[in-house]
All heavy atoms as atom14 arrays in JSON, in Angstrom:
{
  "sequence": "AAEAGVDDFLAEATPEMKLALIRREQAGGKLVAMCGDGTNDAPAL",
  "atom14_mask": [
    [1, 1, 1, 1, 1, 0, 0, 0, 0, 0, 0, 0, 0, 0],
    [1, 1, 1, 1, 1, 0, 0, 0, 0, 0, 0, 0, 0, 0],
    [1, 1, 1, 1, 1, 1, 1, 1, 1, 0, 0, 0, 0, 0],
    [1, 1, 1, 1, 1, 0, 0, 0, 0, 0, 0, 0, 0, 0],
    [1, 1, 1, 1, 0, 0, 0, 0, 0, 0, 0, 0, 0, 0],
    [1, 1, 1, 1, 1, 1, 1, 0, 0, 0, 0, 0, 0, 0],
    [1, 1, 1, 1, 1, 1, 1, 1, 0, 0, 0, 0, 0, 0],
    [1, 1, 1, 1, 1, 1, 1, 1, 0, 0, 0, 0, 0, 0],
    [1, 1, 1, 1, 1, 1, 1, 1, 1, 1, 1, 0, 0, 0],
    [1, 1, 1, 1, 1, 1, 1, 1, 0, 0, 0, 0, 0, 0],
    [1, 1, 1, 1, 1, 0, 0, 0, 0, 0, 0, 0, 0, 0],
    [1, 1, 1, 1, 1, 1, 1, 1, 1, 0, 0, 0, 0, 0],
    [1, 1, 1, 1, 1, 0, 0, 0, 0, 0, 0, 0, 0, 0],
    [1, 1, 1, 1, 1, 1, 1, 0, 0, 0, 0, 0, 0, 0],
    [1, 1, 1, 1, 1, 1, 1, 0, 0, 0, 0, 0, 0, 0],
    [1, 1, 1, 1, 1, 1, 1, 1, 1, 0, 0, 0, 0, 0],
    [1, 1, 1, 1, 1, 1, 1, 1, 0, 0, 0, 0, 0, 0],
    [1, 1, 1, 1, 1, 1, 1, 1, 1, 0, 0, 0, 0, 0],
    [1, 1, 1, 1, 1, 1, 1, 1, 0, 0, 0, 0, 0, 0],
    [1, 1, 1, 1, 1, 0, 0, 0, 0, 0, 0, 0, 0, 0],
    [1, 1, 1, 1, 1, 1, 1, 1, 0, 0, 0, 0, 0, 0],
    [1, 1, 1, 1, 1, 1, 1, 1, 0, 0, 0, 0, 0, 0],
    [1, 1, 1, 1, 1, 1, 1, 1, 1, 1, 1, 0, 0, 0],
    [1, 1, 1, 1, 1, 1, 1, 1, 1, 1, 1, 0, 0, 0],
    [1, 1, 1, 1, 1, 1, 1, 1, 1, 0, 0, 0, 0, 0],
    [1, 1, 1, 1, 1, 1, 1, 1, 1, 0, 0, 0, 0, 0],
    [1, 1, 1, 1, 1, 0, 0, 0, 0, 0, 0, 0, 0, 0],
    [1, 1, 1, 1, 0, 0, 0, 0, 0, 0, 0, 0, 0, 0],
    [1, 1, 1, 1, 0, 0, 0, 0, 0, 0, 0, 0, 0, 0],
    [1, 1, 1, 1, 1, 1, 1, 1, 1, 0, 0, 0, 0, 0],
    [1, 1, 1, 1, 1, 1, 1, 1, 0, 0, 0, 0, 0, 0],
    [1, 1, 1, 1, 1, 1, 1, 0, 0, 0, 0, 0, 0, 0],
    [1, 1, 1, 1, 1, 0, 0, 0, 0, 0, 0, 0, 0, 0],
    [1, 1, 1, 1, 1, 1, 1, 1, 0, 0, 0, 0, 0, 0],
    [1, 1, 1, 1, 1, 1, 0, 0, 0, 0, 0, 0, 0, 0],
    [1, 1, 1, 1, 0, 0, 0, 0, 0, 0, 0, 0, 0, 0],
    [1, 1, 1, 1, 1, 1, 1, 1, 0, 0, 0, 0, 0, 0],
    [1, 1, 1, 1, 0, 0, 0, 0, 0, 0, 0, 0, 0, 0],
    [1, 1, 1, 1, 1, 1, 1, 0, 0, 0, 0, 0, 0, 0],
    [1, 1, 1, 1, 1, 1, 1, 1, 0, 0, 0, 0, 0, 0],
    [1, 1, 1, 1, 1, 1, 1, 1, 0, 0, 0, 0, 0, 0],
    [1, 1, 1, 1, 1, 0, 0, 0, 0, 0, 0, 0, 0, 0],
    [1, 1, 1, 1, 1, 1, 1, 0, 0, 0, 0, 0, 0, 0],
    [1, 1, 1, 1, 1, 0, 0, 0, 0, 0, 0, 0, 0, 0],
    [1, 1, 1, 1, 1, 1, 1, 1, 0, 0, 0, 0, 0, 0]
  ],
  "atom14_positions": [
    [[-11.94, 7.14, 3.15], [-12.03, 5.69, 3.06], [-13.48, 5.23, 3.2], [-13.94, 4.33, 2.49], [-11.15, 5.04, 4.12], [0.0, 0.0, 0.0], [0.0, 0.0, 0.0], [0.0, 0.0, 0.0], [0.0, 0.0, 0.0], [0.0, 0.0, 0.0], [0.0, 0.0, 0.0], [0.0, 0.0, 0.0], [0.0, 0.0, 0.0], [0.0, 0.0, 0.0]],
    [[-14.21, 5.86, 4.12], [-15.61, 5.51, 4.32], [-16.45, 5.87, 3.1], [-17.33, 5.11, 2.68], [-16.15, 6.21, 5.57], [0.0, 0.0, 0.0], [0.0, 0.0, 0.0], [0.0, 0.0, 0.0], [0.0, 0.0, 0.0], [0.0, 0.0, 0.0], [0.0, 0.0, 0.0], [0.0, 0.0, 0.0], [0.0, 0.0, 0.0], [0.0, 0.0, 0.0]],
    [[-16.18, 7.04, 2.51], [-16.94, 7.47, 1.33], [-16.64, 6.58, 0.12], [-17.54, 6.24, -0.65], [-16.6, 8.92, 0.99], [-17.41, 9.47, -0.18], [-17.09, 10.92, -0.49], [-16.31, 11.55, 0.26], [-17.59, 11.44, -1.51], [0.0, 0.0, 0.0], [0.0, 0.0, 0.0], [0.0, 0.0, 0.0], [0.0, 0.0, 0.0], [0.0, 0.0, 0.0]],
    [[-15.37, 6.19, -0.02], [-14.98, 5.37, -1.18], [-15.36, 3.91, -1.01], [-15.53, 3.19, -2.0], [-13.49, 5.49, -1.42], [0.0, 0.0, 0.0], [0.0, 0.0, 0.0], [0.0, 0.0, 0.0], [0.0, 0.0, 0.0], [0.0, 0.0, 0.0], [0.0, 0.0, 0.0], [0.0, 0.0, 0.0], [0.0, 0.0, 0.0], [0.0, 0.0, 0.0]],
    [[-15.5, 3.45, 0.25], [-15.89, 2.06, 0.48], [-14.74, 1.09, 0.51], [-14.93, -0.1, 0.27], [0.0, 0.0, 0.0], [0.0, 0.0, 0.0], [0.0, 0.0, 0.0], [0.0, 0.0, 0.0], [0.0, 0.0, 0.0], [0.0, 0.0, 0.0], [0.0, 0.0, 0.0], [0.0, 0.0, 0.0], [0.0, 0.0, 0.0], [0.0, 0.0, 0.0]],
    [[-13.5, 1.57, 0.83], [-12.38, 0.64, 0.94], [-12.43, -0.07, 2.29], [-13.11, 0.37, 3.22], [-11.02, 1.38, 0.78], [-10.89, 1.97, -0.62], [-10.85, 2.46, 1.83], [0.0, 0.0, 0.0], [0.0, 0.0, 0.0], [0.0, 0.0, 0.0], [0.0, 0.0, 0.0], [0.0, 0.0, 0.0], [0.0, 0.0, 0.0], [0.0, 0.0, 0.0]],
    [[-11.69, -1.18, 2.4], [-11.73, -1.98, 3.62], [-10.82, -1.45, 4.71], [-11.07, -1.66, 5.9], [-11.35, -3.44, 3.31], [-12.32, -4.08, 2.34], [-13.53, -3.97, 2.57], [-11.87, -4.69, 1.35], [0.0, 0.0, 0.0], [0.0, 0.0, 0.0], [0.0, 0.0, 0.0], [0.0, 0.0, 0.0], [0.0, 0.0, 0.0], [0.0, 0.0, 0.0]],
    [[-9.73, -0.79, 4.33], [-8.77, -0.3, 5.31], [-8.01, 0.87, 4.69], [-8.14, 1.14, 3.49], [-7.8, -1.43, 5.69], [-7.13, -1.19, 7.04], [-7.33, -0.1, 7.62], [-6.4, -2.09, 7.49], [0.0, 0.0, 0.0], [0.0, 0.0, 0.0], [0.0, 0.0, 0.0], [0.0, 0.0, 0.0], [0.0, 0.0, 0.0], [0.0, 0.0, 0.0]],
    [[-7.22, 1.56, 5.51], [-6.42, 2.67, 4.97], [-5.13, 2.81, 5.76], [-5.02, 2.37, 6.91], [-7.21, 3.99, 5.01], [-7.54, 4.49, 6.4], [-6.65, 5.31, 7.09], [-8.73, 4.13, 7.01], [-6.95, 5.75, 8.37], [-9.04, 4.57, 8.29], [-8.14, 5.38, 8.97], [0.0, 0.0, 0.0], [0.0, 0.0, 0.0], [0.0, 0.0, 0.0]],
    [[-4.15, 3.41, 5.1], [-2.87, 3.74, 5.73], [-2.69, 5.24, 5.58], [-2.53, 5.74, 4.46], [-1.72, 2.98, 5.05], [-0.31, 3.29, 5.56], [-0.15, 2.81, 7.01], [0.74, 2.63, 4.67], [0.0, 0.0, 0.0], [0.0, 0.0, 0.0], [0.0, 0.0, 0.0], [0.0, 0.0, 0.0], [0.0, 0.0, 0.0], [0.0, 0.0, 0.0]],
    [[-2.74, 5.98, 6.71], [-2.65, 7.44, 6.68], [-1.22, 7.9, 6.9], [-0.38, 7.15, 7.41], [-3.57, 8.04, 7.74], [0.0, 0.0, 0.0], [0.0, 0.0, 0.0], [0.0, 0.0, 0.0], [0.0, 0.0, 0.0], [0.0, 0.0, 0.0], [0.0, 0.0, 0.0], [0.0, 0.0, 0.0], [0.0, 0.0, 0.0], [0.0, 0.0, 0.0]],
    [[-0.97, 9.16, 6.49], [0.35, 9.78, 6.64], [1.45, 8.85, 6.14], [2.5, 8.68, 6.75], [0.58, 10.17, 8.11], [-0.43, 11.21, 8.6], [-0.26, 11.56, 10.07], [0.4, 10.78, 10.79], [-0.77, 12.62, 10.48], [0.0, 0.0, 0.0], [0.0, 0.0, 0.0], [0.0, 0.0, 0.0], [0.0, 0.0, 0.0], [0.0, 0.0, 0.0]],
    [[1.18, 8.23, 4.99], [2.07, 7.19, 4.45], [3.27, 7.81, 3.75], [3.15, 8.78, 3.0], [1.31, 6.29, 3.49], [0.0, 0.0, 0.0], [0.0, 0.0, 0.0], [0.0, 0.0, 0.0], [0.0, 0.0, 0.0], [0.0, 0.0, 0.0], [0.0, 0.0, 0.0], [0.0, 0.0, 0.0], [0.0, 0.0, 0.0], [0.0, 0.0, 0.0]],
    [[4.43, 7.24, 4.0], [5.65, 7.58, 3.28], [5.97, 6.42, 2.34], [5.43, 5.32, 2.5], [6.82, 7.78, 4.25], [7.06, 6.52, 4.93], [6.5, 8.86, 5.28], [0.0, 0.0, 0.0], [0.0, 0.0, 0.0], [0.0, 0.0, 0.0], [0.0, 0.0, 0.0], [0.0, 0.0, 0.0], [0.0, 0.0, 0.0], [0.0, 0.0, 0.0]],
    [[6.84, 6.62, 1.35], [7.23, 5.49, 0.48], [7.74, 4.3, 1.28], [7.47, 3.15, 0.93], [8.34, 6.11, -0.4], [7.98, 7.55, -0.49], [7.41, 7.9, 0.87], [0.0, 0.0, 0.0], [0.0, 0.0, 0.0], [0.0, 0.0, 0.0], [0.0, 0.0, 0.0], [0.0, 0.0, 0.0], [0.0, 0.0, 0.0], [0.0, 0.0, 0.0]],
    [[8.45, 4.58, 2.4], [8.97, 3.49, 3.22], [7.83, 2.72, 3.9], [7.87, 1.48, 4.01], [9.92, 4.03, 4.29], [11.22, 4.61, 3.77], [11.07, 6.0, 3.16], [10.0, 6.63, 3.37], [11.99, 6.46, 2.48], [0.0, 0.0, 0.0], [0.0, 0.0, 0.0], [0.0, 0.0, 0.0], [0.0, 0.0, 0.0], [0.0, 0.0, 0.0]],
    [[6.79, 3.44, 4.33], [5.65, 2.79, 4.98], [4.88, 1.93, 3.98], [4.4, 0.84, 4.32], [4.74, 3.84, 5.59], [5.35, 4.55, 6.8], [4.34, 5.95, 7.37], [2.88, 5.12, 7.97], [0.0, 0.0, 0.0], [0.0, 0.0, 0.0], [0.0, 0.0, 0.0], [0.0, 0.0, 0.0], [0.0, 0.0, 0.0], [0.0, 0.0, 0.0]],
    [[4.76, 2.4, 2.74], [4.08, 1.6, 1.71], [4.84, 0.3, 1.47], [4.23, -0.79, 1.38], [3.98, 2.4, 0.41], [3.14, 3.67, 0.48], [3.18, 4.39, -0.84], [2.54, 5.77, -0.74], [2.58, 6.51, -2.02], [0.0, 0.0, 0.0], [0.0, 0.0, 0.0], [0.0, 0.0, 0.0], [0.0, 0.0, 0.0], [0.0, 0.0, 0.0]],
    [[6.16, 0.41, 1.34], [6.97, -0.79, 1.12], [6.82, -1.76, 2.29], [6.68, -2.97, 2.08], [8.44, -0.39, 0.98], [8.96, -0.11, -0.43], [10.43, 0.28, -0.38], [8.78, -1.32, -1.33], [0.0, 0.0, 0.0], [0.0, 0.0, 0.0], [0.0, 0.0, 0.0], [0.0, 0.0, 0.0], [0.0, 0.0, 0.0], [0.0, 0.0, 0.0]],
    [[6.87, -1.23, 3.51], [6.76, -2.09, 4.69], [5.42, -2.81, 4.72], [5.35, -4.0, 5.06], [6.95, -1.25, 5.96], [0.0, 0.0, 0.0], [0.0, 0.0, 0.0], [0.0, 0.0, 0.0], [0.0, 0.0, 0.0], [0.0, 0.0, 0.0], [0.0, 0.0, 0.0], [0.0, 0.0, 0.0], [0.0, 0.0, 0.0], [0.0, 0.0, 0.0]],
    [[4.34, -2.12, 4.34], [3.01, -2.74, 4.33], [2.95, -3.87, 3.31], [2.44, -4.96, 3.6], [1.95, -1.68, 4.0], [0.51, -2.19, 3.85], [0.04, -2.87, 5.12], [-0.43, -1.05, 3.47], [0.0, 0.0, 0.0], [0.0, 0.0, 0.0], [0.0, 0.0, 0.0], [0.0, 0.0, 0.0], [0.0, 0.0, 0.0], [0.0, 0.0, 0.0]],
    [[3.49, -3.64, 2.12], [3.48, -4.68, 1.08], [4.28, -5.88, 1.52], [3.84, -7.04, 1.4], [4.01, -4.11, -0.25], [3.04, -3.07, -0.81], [4.24, -5.23, -1.26], [3.54, -2.36, -2.05], [0.0, 0.0, 0.0], [0.0, 0.0, 0.0], [0.0, 0.0, 0.0], [0.0, 0.0, 0.0], [0.0, 0.0, 0.0], [0.0, 0.0, 0.0]],
    [[5.47, -5.63, 2.07], [6.31, -6.75, 2.51], [5.68, -7.52, 3.65], [5.81, -8.75, 3.74], [7.69, -6.22, 2.92], [8.53, -5.77, 1.73], [9.78, -5.02, 2.15], [10.58, -4.67, 0.99], [11.56, -3.77, 1.01], [11.85, -3.13, 2.14], [12.24, -3.5, -0.09], [0.0, 0.0, 0.0], [0.0, 0.0, 0.0], [0.0, 0.0, 0.0]],
    [[4.96, -6.82, 4.53], [4.28, -7.49, 5.65], [3.17, -8.4, 5.12], [3.01, -9.53, 5.6], [3.72, -6.43, 6.6], [3.17, -7.0, 7.89], [3.01, -5.93, 8.96], [2.08, -4.88, 8.56], [2.44, -3.62, 8.29], [3.72, -3.26, 8.36], [1.54, -2.72, 7.96], [0.0, 0.0, 0.0], [0.0, 0.0, 0.0], [0.0, 0.0, 0.0]],
    [[2.41, -7.92, 4.15], [1.35, -8.74, 3.56], [1.94, -9.94, 2.82], [1.43, -11.06, 2.92], [0.5, -7.9, 2.6], [-0.29, -6.78, 3.26], [-1.5, -7.29, 4.03], [-1.78, -8.5, 3.99], [-2.18, -6.47, 4.69], [0.0, 0.0, 0.0], [0.0, 0.0, 0.0], [0.0, 0.0, 0.0], [0.0, 0.0, 0.0], [0.0, 0.0, 0.0]],
    [[3.03, -9.71, 2.08], [3.65, -10.8, 1.33], [4.25, -11.84, 2.27], [4.21, -13.04, 1.99], [4.72, -10.24, 0.39], [4.14, -9.45, -0.77], [5.2, -8.74, -1.6], [6.26, -8.36, -1.08], [4.93, -8.53, -2.87], [0.0, 0.0, 0.0], [0.0, 0.0, 0.0], [0.0, 0.0, 0.0], [0.0, 0.0, 0.0], [0.0, 0.0, 0.0]],
    [[4.81, -11.38, 3.4], [5.36, -12.32, 4.38], [4.28, -13.21, 4.97], [4.55, -14.33, 5.4], [6.07, -11.55, 5.49], [0.0, 0.0, 0.0], [0.0, 0.0, 0.0], [0.0, 0.0, 0.0], [0.0, 0.0, 0.0], [0.0, 0.0, 0.0], [0.0, 0.0, 0.0], [0.0, 0.0, 0.0], [0.0, 0.0, 0.0], [0.0, 0.0, 0.0]],
    [[3.04, -12.71, 4.97], [1.91, -13.5, 5.45], [1.31, -14.4, 4.38], [0.23, -14.97, 4.59], [0.0, 0.0, 0.0], [0.0, 0.0, 0.0], [0.0, 0.0, 0.0], [0.0, 0.0, 0.0], [0.0, 0.0, 0.0], [0.0, 0.0, 0.0], [0.0, 0.0, 0.0], [0.0, 0.0, 0.0], [0.0, 0.0, 0.0], [0.0, 0.0, 0.0]],
    [[1.98, -14.52, 3.26], [1.52, -15.42, 2.19], [0.51, -14.8, 1.25], [-0.1, -15.52, 0.45], [0.0, 0.0, 0.0], [0.0, 0.0, 0.0], [0.0, 0.0, 0.0], [0.0, 0.0, 0.0], [0.0, 0.0, 0.0], [0.0, 0.0, 0.0], [0.0, 0.0, 0.0], [0.0, 0.0, 0.0], [0.0, 0.0, 0.0], [0.0, 0.0, 0.0]],
    [[0.33, -13.47, 1.31], [-0.64, -12.8, 0.44], [0.03, -12.35, -0.85], [1.21, -11.99, -0.87], [-1.24, -11.59, 1.14], [-1.88, -11.89, 2.49], [-3.13, -12.72, 2.36], [-3.85, -12.86, 3.7], [-5.06, -13.7, 3.58], [0.0, 0.0, 0.0], [0.0, 0.0, 0.0], [0.0, 0.0, 0.0], [0.0, 0.0, 0.0], [0.0, 0.0, 0.0]],
    [[-0.74, -12.35, -1.94], [-0.31, -11.74, -3.19], [-0.88, -10.33, -3.23], [-2.09, -10.14, -3.03], [-0.79, -12.54, -4.4], [0.3, -13.41, -5.07], [0.67, -14.54, -4.12], [-0.19, -13.98, -6.39], [0.0, 0.0, 0.0], [0.0, 0.0, 0.0], [0.0, 0.0, 0.0], [0.0, 0.0, 0.0], [0.0, 0.0, 0.0], [0.0, 0.0, 0.0]],
    [[-0.02, -9.35, -3.46], [-0.4, -7.95, -3.33], [-0.37, -7.26, -4.69], [0.59, -7.4, -5.45], [0.54, -7.22, -2.36], [0.14, -5.75, -2.2], [0.54, -7.9, -1.0], [0.0, 0.0, 0.0], [0.0, 0.0, 0.0], [0.0, 0.0, 0.0], [0.0, 0.0, 0.0], [0.0, 0.0, 0.0], [0.0, 0.0, 0.0], [0.0, 0.0, 0.0]],
    [[-1.43, -6.5, -4.95], [-1.47, -5.64, -6.14], [-1.46, -4.19, -5.65], [-2.04, -3.87, -4.62], [-2.73, -5.9, -6.97], [0.0, 0.0, 0.0], [0.0, 0.0, 0.0], [0.0, 0.0, 0.0], [0.0, 0.0, 0.0], [0.0, 0.0, 0.0], [0.0, 0.0, 0.0], [0.0, 0.0, 0.0], [0.0, 0.0, 0.0], [0.0, 0.0, 0.0]],
    [[-0.77, -3.34, -6.4], [-0.66, -1.93, -6.03], [-1.04, -1.09, -7.23], [-0.55, -1.33, -8.34], [0.78, -1.63, -5.6], [1.12, -0.15, -5.5], [0.43, 0.64, -4.03], [0.9, 2.35, -4.3], [0.0, 0.0, 0.0], [0.0, 0.0, 0.0], [0.0, 0.0, 0.0], [0.0, 0.0, 0.0], [0.0, 0.0, 0.0], [0.0, 0.0, 0.0]],
    [[-1.93, -0.11, -7.04], [-2.25, 0.85, -8.08], [-1.71, 2.21, -7.65], [-1.92, 2.63, -6.51], [-3.77, 0.95, -8.28], [-4.48, -0.45, -9.15], [0.0, 0.0, 0.0], [0.0, 0.0, 0.0], [0.0, 0.0, 0.0], [0.0, 0.0, 0.0], [0.0, 0.0, 0.0], [0.0, 0.0, 0.0], [0.0, 0.0, 0.0], [0.0, 0.0, 0.0]],
    [[-1.05, 2.9, -8.55], [-0.53, 4.22, -8.22], [-0.17, 4.99, -9.46], [-0.13, 4.44, -10.57], [0.0, 0.0, 0.0], [0.0, 0.0, 0.0], [0.0, 0.0, 0.0], [0.0, 0.0, 0.0], [0.0, 0.0, 0.0], [0.0, 0.0, 0.0], [0.0, 0.0, 0.0], [0.0, 0.0, 0.0], [0.0, 0.0, 0.0], [0.0, 0.0, 0.0]],
    [[0.1, 6.3, -9.29], [0.42, 7.13, -10.44], [1.54, 8.12, -10.19], [2.0, 8.77, -11.11], [-0.83, 7.9, -10.9], [-1.34, 8.87, -9.84], [-0.87, 8.79, -8.68], [-2.2, 9.7, -10.16], [0.0, 0.0, 0.0], [0.0, 0.0, 0.0], [0.0, 0.0, 0.0], [0.0, 0.0, 0.0], [0.0, 0.0, 0.0], [0.0, 0.0, 0.0]],
    [[2.01, 8.25, -8.95], [3.02, 9.24, -8.65], [4.41, 8.65, -8.51], [4.58, 7.43, -8.35], [0.0, 0.0, 0.0], [0.0, 0.0, 0.0], [0.0, 0.0, 0.0], [0.0, 0.0, 0.0], [0.0, 0.0, 0.0], [0.0, 0.0, 0.0], [0.0, 0.0, 0.0], [0.0, 0.0, 0.0], [0.0, 0.0, 0.0], [0.0, 0.0, 0.0]],
    [[5.42, 9.52, -8.56], [6.79, 9.07, -8.39], [6.99, 8.42, -7.03], [7.74, 7.46, -6.89], [7.75, 10.27, -8.55], [7.56, 10.83, -9.86], [9.2, 9.85, -8.39], [0.0, 0.0, 0.0], [0.0, 0.0, 0.0], [0.0, 0.0, 0.0], [0.0, 0.0, 0.0], [0.0, 0.0, 0.0], [0.0, 0.0, 0.0], [0.0, 0.0, 0.0]],
    [[6.28, 8.94, -6.01], [6.42, 8.36, -4.67], [5.79, 6.98, -4.57], [5.98, 6.28, -3.58], [5.81, 9.3, -3.62], [4.31, 9.46, -3.79], [3.8, 9.37, -4.9], [3.6, 9.69, -2.71], [0.0, 0.0, 0.0], [0.0, 0.0, 0.0], [0.0, 0.0, 0.0], [0.0, 0.0, 0.0], [0.0, 0.0, 0.0], [0.0, 0.0, 0.0]],
    [[5.03, 6.57, -5.57], [4.44, 5.22, -5.59], [5.38, 4.2, -6.23], [5.13, 2.99, -6.15], [3.13, 5.21, -6.37], [2.06, 6.07, -5.73], [1.99, 6.08, -4.49], [1.31, 6.74, -6.47], [0.0, 0.0, 0.0], [0.0, 0.0, 0.0], [0.0, 0.0, 0.0], [0.0, 0.0, 0.0], [0.0, 0.0, 0.0], [0.0, 0.0, 0.0]],
    [[6.45, 4.67, -6.91], [7.3, 3.78, -7.7], [7.9, 2.63, -6.88], [7.86, 1.48, -7.33], [8.39, 4.58, -8.4], [0.0, 0.0, 0.0], [0.0, 0.0, 0.0], [0.0, 0.0, 0.0], [0.0, 0.0, 0.0], [0.0, 0.0, 0.0], [0.0, 0.0, 0.0], [0.0, 0.0, 0.0], [0.0, 0.0, 0.0], [0.0, 0.0, 0.0]],
    [[8.47, 2.86, -5.68], [9.03, 1.72, -4.92], [7.99, 0.66, -4.6], [8.27, -0.54, -4.7], [9.57, 2.38, -3.64], [9.82, 3.81, -4.03], [8.73, 4.14, -4.99], [0.0, 0.0, 0.0], [0.0, 0.0, 0.0], [0.0, 0.0, 0.0], [0.0, 0.0, 0.0], [0.0, 0.0, 0.0], [0.0, 0.0, 0.0], [0.0, 0.0, 0.0]],
    [[6.78, 1.09, -4.21], [5.73, 0.12, -3.88], [5.27, -0.63, -5.12], [4.99, -1.83, -5.06], [4.56, 0.84, -3.22], [0.0, 0.0, 0.0], [0.0, 0.0, 0.0], [0.0, 0.0, 0.0], [0.0, 0.0, 0.0], [0.0, 0.0, 0.0], [0.0, 0.0, 0.0], [0.0, 0.0, 0.0], [0.0, 0.0, 0.0], [0.0, 0.0, 0.0]],
    [[5.17, 0.07, -6.26], [4.77, -0.59, -7.5], [5.78, -1.66, -7.89], [5.41, -2.72, -8.4], [4.64, 0.44, -8.62], [3.42, 1.37, -8.56], [3.57, 2.51, -9.57], [2.14, 0.6, -8.83], [0.0, 0.0, 0.0], [0.0, 0.0, 0.0], [0.0, 0.0, 0.0], [0.0, 0.0, 0.0], [0.0, 0.0, 0.0], [0.0, 0.0, 0.0]]
  ]
}
């Protein structure tokens, strides 16, 4: 994360954790974009 320059990170993430993070951000009134390429990214996408 430090090398890439992102603002935050979620480690040891499962598909359920990704979904929970998106829903938490959306519940706070945020619009969320998700980039991914794997089957495990499909629920979050």
